[in-house]
Amino acid sequence: MSKPVVTIEYCPKCGWLLRAAYLAQELLTTFQEELGGVLIKPAEINGRFSITVDDQLVFDRKQQGRFPETKELKQLVRDVACPDKPLGHSDKPGA
C-alpha cells in the first residue's frame, strides 16, 4: 500500500510560497514514516491556499477565512493519513 501524499496548493501572486514551504517542512518532520511526500504546487486560482491528503481536502483558506495553525494542520493530516499516531504536545486536548 502506498503512503499518502499531502499537496499544499498556494497562490504565487500572493507570495505564500514560504508559508507553504514552512508547513511542508513541519509535516515532513512530524510524519517522516507515514507520508509518501509533500507536494508544493502553485495555484492557478488567485488567493488559493488549500491542503489535501491524497485527494481529500483537509483545509481551505477561503472556506475557513484564515490560514491553518501548524498544530491544527498536523492534527488534520494525522486524522486522515494515520489516525492512530499520537502527536505528543501537538495533540488535541484530551486525546
PDB file of N, CA and C in Angstrom:
ATOM      1  N   MET A   1       0.838  -1.187   0.000  1.00  0.00           N
ATOM      2  CA  MET A   1       0.000   0.000   0.000  1.00  0.00           C
ATOM      3  C   MET A   1       0.883   1.251   0.000  1.00  0.00           C
ATOM      4  N   SER A   2       0.563   2.211  -0.849  1.00  0.00           N
ATOM      5  CA  SER A   2       1.378   3.413  -0.925  1.00  0.00           C
ATOM      6  C   SER A   2       1.031   4.389   0.198  1.00  0.00           C
ATOM      7  N   LYS A   3       2.002   5.173   0.557  1.00  0.00           N
ATOM      8  CA  LYS A   3       1.810   6.155   1.625  1.00  0.00           C
ATOM      9  C   LYS A   3       1.098   7.384   1.059  1.00  0.00           C
ATOM     10  N   PRO A   4       0.291   8.051   1.886  1.00  0.00           N
ATOM     11  CA  PRO A   4      -0.424   9.234   1.426  1.00  0.00           C
ATOM     12  C   PRO A   4       0.523  10.385   1.099  1.00  0.00           C
ATOM     13  N   VAL A   5       0.100  11.208   0.152  1.00  0.00           N
ATOM     14  CA  VAL A   5       0.857  12.392  -0.247  1.00  0.00           C
ATOM     15  C   VAL A   5       0.020  13.627   0.068  1.00  0.00           C
ATOM     16  N   VAL A   6       0.640  14.584   0.723  1.00  0.00           N
ATOM     17  CA  VAL A   6      -0.013  15.852   1.039  1.00  0.00           C
ATOM     18  C   VAL A   6       0.324  16.838  -0.074  1.00  0.00           C
ATOM     19  N   THR A   7      -0.682  17.570  -0.543  1.00  0.00           N
ATOM     20  CA  THR A   7      -0.460  18.625  -1.529  1.00  0.00           C
ATOM     21  C   THR A   7      -0.857  19.951  -0.907  1.00  0.00           C
ATOM     22  N   ILE A   8       0.081  20.892  -0.937  1.00  0.00           N
ATOM     23  CA  ILE A   8      -0.191  22.254  -0.483  1.00  0.00           C
ATOM     24  C   ILE A   8      -0.232  23.123  -1.733  1.00  0.00           C
ATOM     25  N   GLU A   9      -1.411  23.631  -2.036  1.00  0.00           N
ATOM     26  CA  GLU A   9      -1.575  24.486  -3.212  1.00  0.00           C
ATOM     27  C   GLU A   9      -1.644  25.931  -2.719  1.00  0.00           C
ATOM     28  N   TYR A  10      -0.775  26.782  -3.251  1.00  0.00           N
ATOM     29  CA  TYR A  10      -0.644  28.151  -2.756  1.00  0.00           C
ATOM     30  C   TYR A  10      -0.706  29.144  -3.925  1.00  0.00           C
ATOM     31  N   CYS A  11      -1.086  30.362  -3.628  1.00  0.00           N
ATOM     32  CA  CYS A  11      -1.134  31.425  -4.634  1.00  0.00           C
ATOM     33  C   CYS A  11       0.242  32.086  -4.740  1.00  0.00           C
ATOM     34  N   PRO A  12       0.932  31.924  -5.872  1.00  0.00           N
ATOM     35  CA  PRO A  12       2.244  32.556  -6.009  1.00  0.00           C
ATOM     36  C   PRO A  12       2.158  34.081  -6.084  1.00  0.00           C
ATOM     37  N   LYS A  13       1.060  34.599  -6.628  1.00  0.00           N
ATOM     38  CA  LYS A  13       0.899  36.054  -6.733  1.00  0.00           C
ATOM     39  C   LYS A  13       0.731  36.700  -5.363  1.00  0.00           C
ATOM     40  N   CYS A  14       0.241  35.935  -4.410  1.00  0.00           N
ATOM     41  CA  CYS A  14       0.049  36.434  -3.045  1.00  0.00           C
ATOM     42  C   CYS A  14       1.323  36.317  -2.212  1.00  0.00           C
ATOM     43  N   GLY A  15       2.330  35.612  -2.736  1.00  0.00           N
ATOM     44  CA  GLY A  15       3.592  35.470  -2.015  1.00  0.00           C
ATOM     45  C   GLY A  15       3.542  34.451  -0.887  1.00  0.00           C
ATOM     46  N   TRP A  16       2.767  33.380  -1.062  1.00  0.00           N
ATOM     47  CA  TRP A  16       2.583  32.408   0.002  1.00  0.00           C
ATOM     48  C   TRP A  16       3.476  31.179  -0.114  1.00  0.00           C
ATOM     49  N   LEU A  17       4.500  31.233  -0.957  1.00  0.00           N
ATOM     50  CA  LEU A  17       5.409  30.095  -1.111  1.00  0.00           C
ATOM     51  C   LEU A  17       6.128  29.767   0.195  1.00  0.00           C
ATOM     52  N   LEU A  18       6.649  30.771   0.888  1.00  0.00           N
ATOM     53  CA  LEU A  18       7.383  30.498   2.128  1.00  0.00           C
ATOM     54  C   LEU A  18       6.485  29.874   3.193  1.00  0.00           C
ATOM     55  N   ARG A  19       5.237  30.313   3.267  1.00  0.00           N
ATOM     56  CA  ARG A  19       4.285  29.718   4.212  1.00  0.00           C
ATOM     57  C   ARG A  19       4.062  28.247   3.866  1.00  0.00           C
ATOM     58  N   ALA A  20       3.883  27.966   2.576  1.00  0.00           N
ATOM     59  CA  ALA A  20       3.679  26.588   2.121  1.00  0.00           C
ATOM     60  C   ALA A  20       4.913  25.736   2.417  1.00  0.00           C
ATOM     61  N   ALA A  21       6.092  26.282   2.181  1.00  0.00           N
ATOM     62  CA  ALA A  21       7.333  25.541   2.423  1.00  0.00           C
ATOM     63  C   ALA A  21       7.521  25.250   3.913  1.00  0.00           C
ATOM     64  N   TYR A  22       7.197  26.215   4.748  1.00  0.00           N
ATOM     65  CA  TYR A  22       7.306  26.014   6.194  1.00  0.00           C
ATOM     66  C   TYR A  22       6.370  24.892   6.654  1.00  0.00           C
ATOM     67  N   LEU A  23       5.124  24.934   6.198  1.00  0.00           N
ATOM     68  CA  LEU A  23       4.168  23.898   6.595  1.00  0.00           C
ATOM     69  C   LEU A  23       4.590  22.532   6.060  1.00  0.00           C
ATOM     70  N   ALA A  24       5.139  22.498   4.847  1.00  0.00           N
ATOM     71  CA  ALA A  24       5.633  21.235   4.288  1.00  0.00           C
ATOM     72  C   ALA A  24       6.743  20.667   5.171  1.00  0.00           C
ATOM     73  N   GLN A  25       7.665  21.517   5.593  1.00  0.00           N
ATOM     74  CA  GLN A  25       8.760  21.085   6.468  1.00  0.00           C
ATOM     75  C   GLN A  25       8.221  20.528   7.778  1.00  0.00           C
ATOM     76  N   GLU A  26       7.256  21.200   8.362  1.00  0.00           N
ATOM     77  CA  GLU A  26       6.663  20.732   9.621  1.00  0.00           C
ATOM     78  C   GLU A  26       6.003  19.364   9.442  1.00  0.00           C
ATOM     79  N   LEU A  27       5.275  19.192   8.351  1.00  0.00           N
ATOM     80  CA  LEU A  27       4.607  17.915   8.107  1.00  0.00           C
ATOM     81  C   LEU A  27       5.607  16.797   7.858  1.00  0.00           C
ATOM     82  N   LEU A  28       6.650  17.080   7.079  1.00  0.00           N
ATOM     83  CA  LEU A  28       7.658  16.054   6.796  1.00  0.00           C
ATOM     84  C   LEU A  28       8.445  15.671   8.049  1.00  0.00           C
ATOM     85  N   THR A  29       8.652  16.614   8.933  1.00  0.00           N
ATOM     86  CA  THR A  29       9.346  16.323  10.186  1.00  0.00           C
ATOM     87  C   THR A  29       8.479  15.467  11.104  1.00  0.00           C
ATOM     88  N   THR A  30       7.203  15.796  11.190  1.00  0.00           N
ATOM     89  CA  THR A  30       6.287  15.080  12.079  1.00  0.00           C
ATOM     90  C   THR A  30       5.922  13.695  11.553  1.00  0.00           C
ATOM     91  N   PHE A  31       5.747  13.589  10.230  1.00  0.00           N
ATOM     92  CA  PHE A  31       5.256  12.349   9.625  1.00  0.00           C
ATOM     93  C   PHE A  31       6.315  11.703   8.733  1.00  0.00           C
ATOM     94  N   GLN A  32       7.526  11.568   9.239  1.00  0.00           N
ATOM     95  CA  GLN A  32       8.646  11.024   8.474  1.00  0.00           C
ATOM     96  C   GLN A  32       8.354   9.640   7.912  1.00  0.00           C
ATOM     97  N   GLU A  33       7.734   8.788   8.703  1.00  0.00           N
ATOM     98  CA  GLU A  33       7.478   7.406   8.298  1.00  0.00           C
ATOM     99  C   GLU A  33       6.124   7.223   7.611  1.00  0.00           C
ATOM    100  N   GLU A  34       5.196   8.134   7.869  1.00  0.00           N
ATOM    101  CA  GLU A  34       3.810   7.924   7.454  1.00  0.00           C
ATOM    102  C   GLU A  34       3.456   8.503   6.075  1.00  0.00           C
ATOM    103  N   LEU A  35       4.168   9.549   5.646  1.00  0.00           N
ATOM    104  CA  LEU A  35       3.821  10.204   4.383  1.00  0.00           C
ATOM    105  C   LEU A  35       4.729   9.774   3.237  1.00  0.00           C
ATOM    106  N   GLY A  36       4.164   9.747   2.051  1.00  0.00           N
ATOM    107  CA  GLY A  36       4.942   9.481   0.846  1.00  0.00           C
ATOM    108  C   GLY A  36       5.602  10.740   0.305  1.00  0.00           C
ATOM    109  N   GLY A  37       5.226  11.891   0.854  1.00  0.00           N
ATOM    110  CA  GLY A  37       5.822  13.150   0.453  1.00  0.00           C
ATOM    111  C   GLY A  37       4.845  14.296   0.613  1.00  0.00           C
ATOM    112  N   VAL A  38       5.367  15.503   0.398  1.00  0.00           N
ATOM    113  CA  VAL A  38       4.551  16.711   0.402  1.00  0.00           C
ATOM    114  C   VAL A  38       4.860  17.460  -0.891  1.00  0.00           C
ATOM    115  N   LEU A  39       3.820  17.730  -1.645  1.00  0.00           N
ATOM    116  CA  LEU A  39       3.937  18.449  -2.911  1.00  0.00           C
ATOM    117  C   LEU A  39       3.519  19.893  -2.683  1.00  0.00           C
ATOM    118  N   ILE A  40       4.375  20.830  -3.065  1.00  0.00           N
ATOM    119  CA  ILE A  40       4.049  22.255  -3.002  1.00  0.00           C
ATOM    120  C   ILE A  40       3.744  22.681  -4.426  1.00  0.00           C
ATOM    121  N   LYS A  41       2.493  23.099  -4.643  1.00  0.00           N
ATOM    122  CA  LYS A  41       2.009  23.325  -6.003  1.00  0.00           C
ATOM    123  C   LYS A  41       1.469  24.745  -6.157  1.00  0.00           C
ATOM    124  N   PRO A  42       1.995  25.518  -7.128  1.00  0.00           N
ATOM    125  CA  PRO A  42       1.426  26.847  -7.363  1.00  0.00           C
ATOM    126  C   PRO A  42       0.004  26.733  -7.906  1.00  0.00           C
ATOM    127  N   ALA A  43      -0.884  27.537  -7.353  1.00  0.00           N
ATOM    128  CA  ALA A  43      -2.289  27.515  -7.762  1.00  0.00           C
ATOM    129  C   ALA A  43      -2.503  28.366  -9.004  1.00  0.00           C
ATOM    130  N   GLU A  44      -3.458  27.962  -9.802  1.00  0.00           N
ATOM    131  CA  GLU A  44      -3.847  28.754 -10.964  1.00  0.00           C
ATOM    132  C   GLU A  44      -4.956  29.735 -10.604  1.00  0.00           C
ATOM    133  N   ILE A  45      -5.534  29.587  -9.427  1.00  0.00           N
ATOM    134  CA  ILE A  45      -6.612  30.465  -8.958  1.00  0.00           C
ATOM    135  C   ILE A  45      -6.032  31.422  -7.920  1.00  0.00           C
ATOM    136  N   ASN A  46      -6.206  32.715  -8.141  1.00  0.00           N
ATOM    137  CA  ASN A  46      -5.685  33.719  -7.211  1.00  0.00           C
ATOM    138  C   ASN A  46      -6.289  33.551  -5.823  1.00  0.00           C
ATOM    139  N   GLY A  47      -5.445  33.690  -4.815  1.00  0.00           N
ATOM    140  CA  GLY A  47      -5.895  33.636  -3.430  1.00  0.00           C
ATOM    141  C   GLY A  47      -6.052  32.248  -2.854  1.00  0.00           C
ATOM    142  N   ARG A  48      -5.734  31.226  -3.623  1.00  0.00           N
ATOM    143  CA  ARG A  48      -5.925  29.852  -3.138  1.00  0.00           C
ATOM    144  C   ARG A  48      -4.788  29.442  -2.197  1.00  0.00           C
ATOM    145  N   PHE A  49      -5.174  28.807  -1.115  1.00  0.00           N
ATOM    146  CA  PHE A  49      -4.240  28.136  -0.214  1.00  0.00           C
ATOM    147  C   PHE A  49      -5.010  26.967   0.365  1.00  0.00           C
ATOM    148  N   SER A  50      -4.789  25.793  -0.206  1.00  0.00           N
ATOM    149  CA  SER A  50      -5.532  24.614   0.229  1.00  0.00           C
ATOM    150  C   SER A  50      -4.580  23.447   0.449  1.00  0.00           C
ATOM    151  N   ILE A  51      -5.018  22.542   1.303  1.00  0.00           N
ATOM    152  CA  ILE A  51      -4.188  21.392   1.652  1.00  0.00           C
ATOM    153  C   ILE A  51      -5.035  20.131   1.533  1.00  0.00           C
ATOM    154  N   THR A  52      -4.510  19.166   0.786  1.00  0.00           N
ATOM    155  CA  THR A  52      -5.192  17.894   0.621  1.00  0.00           C
ATOM    156  C   THR A  52      -4.262  16.758   1.029  1.00  0.00           C
ATOM    157  N   VAL A  53      -4.870  15.674   1.468  1.00  0.00           N
ATOM    158  CA  VAL A  53      -4.153  14.423   1.704  1.00  0.00           C
ATOM    159  C   VAL A  53      -4.692  13.467   0.654  1.00  0.00           C
ATOM    160  N   ASP A  54      -3.812  13.044  -0.247  1.00  0.00           N
ATOM    161  CA  ASP A  54      -4.222  12.376  -1.469  1.00  0.00           C
ATOM    162  C   ASP A  54      -5.232  13.317  -2.140  1.00  0.00           C
ATOM    163  N   ASP A  55      -6.458  12.943  -2.317  1.00  0.00           N
ATOM    164  CA  ASP A  55      -7.418  13.859  -2.947  1.00  0.00           C
ATOM    165  C   ASP A  55      -8.459  14.386  -1.970  1.00  0.00           C
ATOM    166  N   GLN A  56      -8.228  14.189  -0.682  1.00  0.00           N
ATOM    167  CA  GLN A  56      -9.193  14.632   0.326  1.00  0.00           C
ATOM    168  C   GLN A  56      -8.797  15.997   0.882  1.00  0.00           C
ATOM    169  N   LEU A  57      -9.661  16.986   0.695  1.00  0.00           N
ATOM    170  CA  LEU A  57      -9.408  18.335   1.197  1.00  0.00           C
ATOM    171  C   LEU A  57      -9.450  18.324   2.724  1.00  0.00           C
ATOM    172  N   VAL A  58      -8.376  18.827   3.347  1.00  0.00           N
ATOM    173  CA  VAL A  58      -8.364  18.910   4.810  1.00  0.00           C
ATOM    174  C   VAL A  58      -8.388  20.357   5.302  1.00  0.00           C
ATOM    175  N   PHE A  59      -7.968  21.314   4.431  1.00  0.00           N
ATOM    176  CA  PHE A  59      -8.024  22.722   4.828  1.00  0.00           C
ATOM    177  C   PHE A  59      -8.068  23.595   3.589  1.00  0.00           C
ATOM    178  N   ASP A  60      -8.931  24.614   3.634  1.00  0.00           N
ATOM    179  CA  ASP A  60      -9.032  25.587   2.553  1.00  0.00           C
ATOM    180  C   ASP A  60      -9.124  26.978   3.172  1.00  0.00           C
ATOM    181  N   ARG A  61      -8.195  27.835   2.812  1.00  0.00           N
ATOM    182  CA  ARG A  61      -8.129  29.176   3.392  1.00  0.00           C
ATOM    183  C   ARG A  61      -9.407  29.969   3.147  1.00  0.00           C
ATOM    184  N   LYS A  62      -9.962  29.879   1.963  1.00  0.00           N
ATOM    185  CA  LYS A  62     -11.172  30.649   1.662  1.00  0.00           C
ATOM    186  C   LYS A  62     -12.372  30.156   2.463  1.00  0.00           C
ATOM    187  N   GLN A  63     -12.497  28.855   2.633  1.00  0.00           N
ATOM    188  CA  GLN A  63     -13.609  28.311   3.423  1.00  0.00           C
ATOM    189  C   GLN A  63     -13.483  28.691   4.900  1.00  0.00           C
ATOM    190  N   GLN A  64     -12.243  28.626   5.415  1.00  0.00           N
ATOM    191  CA  GLN A  64     -12.010  28.887   6.841  1.00  0.00           C
ATOM    192  C   GLN A  64     -11.842  30.373   7.152  1.00  0.00           C
ATOM    193  N   GLY A  65     -11.489  31.161   6.124  1.00  0.00           N
ATOM    194  CA  GLY A  65     -11.270  32.591   6.343  1.00  0.00           C
ATOM    195  C   GLY A  65      -9.957  32.906   7.029  1.00  0.00           C
ATOM    196  N   ARG A  66      -9.029  31.952   6.988  1.00  0.00           N
ATOM    197  CA  ARG A  66      -7.730  32.111   7.664  1.00  0.00           C
ATOM    198  C   ARG A  66      -6.777  31.024   7.182  1.00  0.00           C
ATOM    199  N   PHE A  67      -5.523  31.133   7.612  1.00  0.00           N
ATOM    200  CA  PHE A  67      -4.545  30.080   7.361  1.00  0.00           C
ATOM    201  C   PHE A  67      -4.578  29.086   8.525  1.00  0.00           C
ATOM    202  N   PRO A  68      -4.145  27.841   8.292  1.00  0.00           N
ATOM    203  CA  PRO A  68      -4.142  26.871   9.393  1.00  0.00           C
ATOM    204  C   PRO A  68      -2.986  27.134  10.357  1.00  0.00           C
ATOM    205  N   GLU A  69      -3.245  26.884  11.616  1.00  0.00           N
ATOM    206  CA  GLU A  69      -2.162  26.861  12.595  1.00  0.00           C
ATOM    207  C   GLU A  69      -1.391  25.557  12.376  1.00  0.00           C
ATOM    208  N   THR A  70      -0.116  25.559  12.655  1.00  0.00           N
ATOM    209  CA  THR A  70       0.713  24.377  12.441  1.00  0.00           C
ATOM    210  C   THR A  70       0.177  23.174  13.216  1.00  0.00           C
ATOM    211  N   LYS A  71      -0.131  23.374  14.480  1.00  0.00           N
ATOM    212  CA  LYS A  71      -0.657  22.297  15.331  1.00  0.00           C
ATOM    213  C   LYS A  71      -1.956  21.738  14.747  1.00  0.00           C
ATOM    214  N   GLU A  72      -2.830  22.627  14.319  1.00  0.00           N
ATOM    215  CA  GLU A  72      -4.113  22.234  13.737  1.00  0.00           C
ATOM    216  C   GLU A  72      -3.909  21.418  12.465  1.00  0.00           C
ATOM    217  N   LEU A  73      -2.992  21.867  11.611  1.00  0.00           N
ATOM    218  CA  LEU A  73      -2.742  21.164  10.356  1.00  0.00           C
ATOM    219  C   LEU A  73      -2.197  19.761  10.612  1.00  0.00           C
ATOM    220  N   LYS A  74      -1.311  19.631  11.568  1.00  0.00           N
ATOM    221  CA  LYS A  74      -0.776  18.309  11.904  1.00  0.00           C
ATOM    222  C   LYS A  74      -1.892  17.371  12.346  1.00  0.00           C
ATOM    223  N   GLN A  75      -2.831  17.890  13.124  1.00  0.00           N
ATOM    224  CA  GLN A  75      -3.955  17.066  13.571  1.00  0.00           C
ATOM    225  C   GLN A  75      -4.835  16.656  12.394  1.00  0.00           C
ATOM    226  N   LEU A  76      -5.102  17.595  11.483  1.00  0.00           N
ATOM    227  CA  LEU A  76      -5.948  17.302  10.326  1.00  0.00           C
ATOM    228  C   LEU A  76      -5.306  16.255   9.416  1.00  0.00           C
ATOM    229  N   VAL A  77      -4.003  16.397   9.178  1.00  0.00           N
ATOM    230  CA  VAL A  77      -3.290  15.437   8.332  1.00  0.00           C
ATOM    231  C   VAL A  77      -3.245  14.084   9.025  1.00  0.00           C
ATOM    232  N   ARG A  78      -2.937  14.073  10.305  1.00  0.00           N
ATOM    233  CA  ARG A  78      -2.885  12.826  11.068  1.00  0.00           C
ATOM    234  C   ARG A  78      -4.221  12.092  11.012  1.00  0.00           C
ATOM    235  N   ASP A  79      -5.318  12.835  11.187  1.00  0.00           N
ATOM    236  CA  ASP A  79      -6.642  12.224  11.222  1.00  0.00           C
ATOM    237  C   ASP A  79      -6.973  11.487   9.932  1.00  0.00           C
ATOM    238  N   VAL A  80      -6.406  11.935   8.803  1.00  0.00           N
ATOM    239  CA  VAL A  80      -6.652  11.287   7.514  1.00  0.00           C
ATOM    240  C   VAL A  80      -5.571  10.248   7.203  1.00  0.00           C
ATOM    241  N   ALA A  81      -4.311  10.621   7.390  1.00  0.00           N
ATOM    242  CA  ALA A  81      -3.192   9.782   6.946  1.00  0.00           C
ATOM    243  C   ALA A  81      -2.847   8.651   7.904  1.00  0.00           C
ATOM    244  N   CYS A  82      -2.928   8.905   9.200  1.00  0.00           N
ATOM    245  CA  CYS A  82      -2.510   7.896  10.185  1.00  0.00           C
ATOM    246  C   CYS A  82      -3.202   8.181  11.517  1.00  0.00           C
ATOM    247  N   PRO A  83      -4.505   7.883  11.612  1.00  0.00           N
ATOM    248  CA  PRO A  83      -5.303   8.258  12.779  1.00  0.00           C
ATOM    249  C   PRO A  83      -4.813   7.732  14.123  1.00  0.00           C
ATOM    250  N   ASP A  84      -4.015   6.680  14.130  1.00  0.00           N
ATOM    251  CA  ASP A  84      -3.553   6.114  15.397  1.00  0.00           C
ATOM    252  C   ASP A  84      -2.262   6.747  15.916  1.00  0.00           C
ATOM    253  N   LYS A  85      -1.666   7.648  15.135  1.00  0.00           N
ATOM    254  CA  LYS A  85      -0.383   8.243  15.539  1.00  0.00           C
ATOM    255  C   LYS A  85      -0.597   9.323  16.610  1.00  0.00           C
ATOM    256  N   PRO A  86       0.056   9.185  17.752  1.00  0.00           N
ATOM    257  CA  PRO A  86      -0.009  10.257  18.764  1.00  0.00           C
ATOM    258  C   PRO A  86       0.897  11.416  18.342  1.00  0.00           C
ATOM    259  N   LEU A  87       0.469  12.638  18.629  1.00  0.00           N
ATOM    260  CA  LEU A  87       1.253  13.814  18.260  1.00  0.00           C
ATOM    261  C   LEU A  87       1.917  14.482  19.455  1.00  0.00           C
ATOM    262  N   GLY A  88       1.887  13.852  20.584  1.00  0.00           N
ATOM    263  CA  GLY A  88       2.536  14.420  21.770  1.00  0.00           C
ATOM    264  C   GLY A  88       1.916  15.743  22.141  1.00  0.00           C
ATOM    265  N   HIS A  89       2.751  16.766  22.350  1.00  0.00           N
ATOM    266  CA  HIS A  89       2.262  18.082  22.792  1.00  0.00           C
ATOM    267  C   HIS A  89       1.438  18.783  21.704  1.00  0.00           C
ATOM    268  N   SER A  90       1.503  18.327  20.465  1.00  0.00           N
ATOM    269  CA  SER A  90       0.698  18.923  19.385  1.00  0.00           C
ATOM    270  C   SER A  90      -0.671  18.271  19.261  1.00  0.00           C
ATOM    271  N   ASP A  91      -0.971  17.327  20.142  1.00  0.00           N
ATOM    272  CA  ASP A  91      -2.236  16.617  20.023  1.00  0.00           C
ATOM    273  C   ASP A  91      -3.388  17.413  20.601  1.00  0.00           C
ATOM    274  N   LYS A  92      -4.587  17.003  20.239  1.00  0.00           N
ATOM    275  CA  LYS A  92      -5.799  17.645  20.735  1.00  0.00           C
ATOM    276  C   LYS A  92      -5.890  17.485  22.244  1.00  0.00           C
ATOM    277  N   PRO A  93      -6.433  18.465  22.938  1.00  0.00           N
ATOM    278  CA  PRO A  93      -6.628  18.291  24.384  1.00  0.00           C
ATOM    279  C   PRO A  93      -7.525  17.097  24.651  1.00  0.00           C
ATOM    280  N   GLY A  94      -7.126  16.292  25.605  1.00  0.00           N
ATOM    281  CA  GLY A  94      -7.917  15.133  25.995  1.00  0.00           C
ATOM    282  C   GLY A  94      -7.745  13.925  25.093  1.00  0.00           C
ATOM    283  N   ALA A  95      -6.884  14.044  24.085  1.00  0.00           N
ATOM    284  CA  ALA A  95      -6.698  12.909  23.171  1.00  0.00           C
ATOM    285  C   ALA A  95      -5.671  11.952  23.715  1.00  0.00           C
TER     286      ALA A  95
END
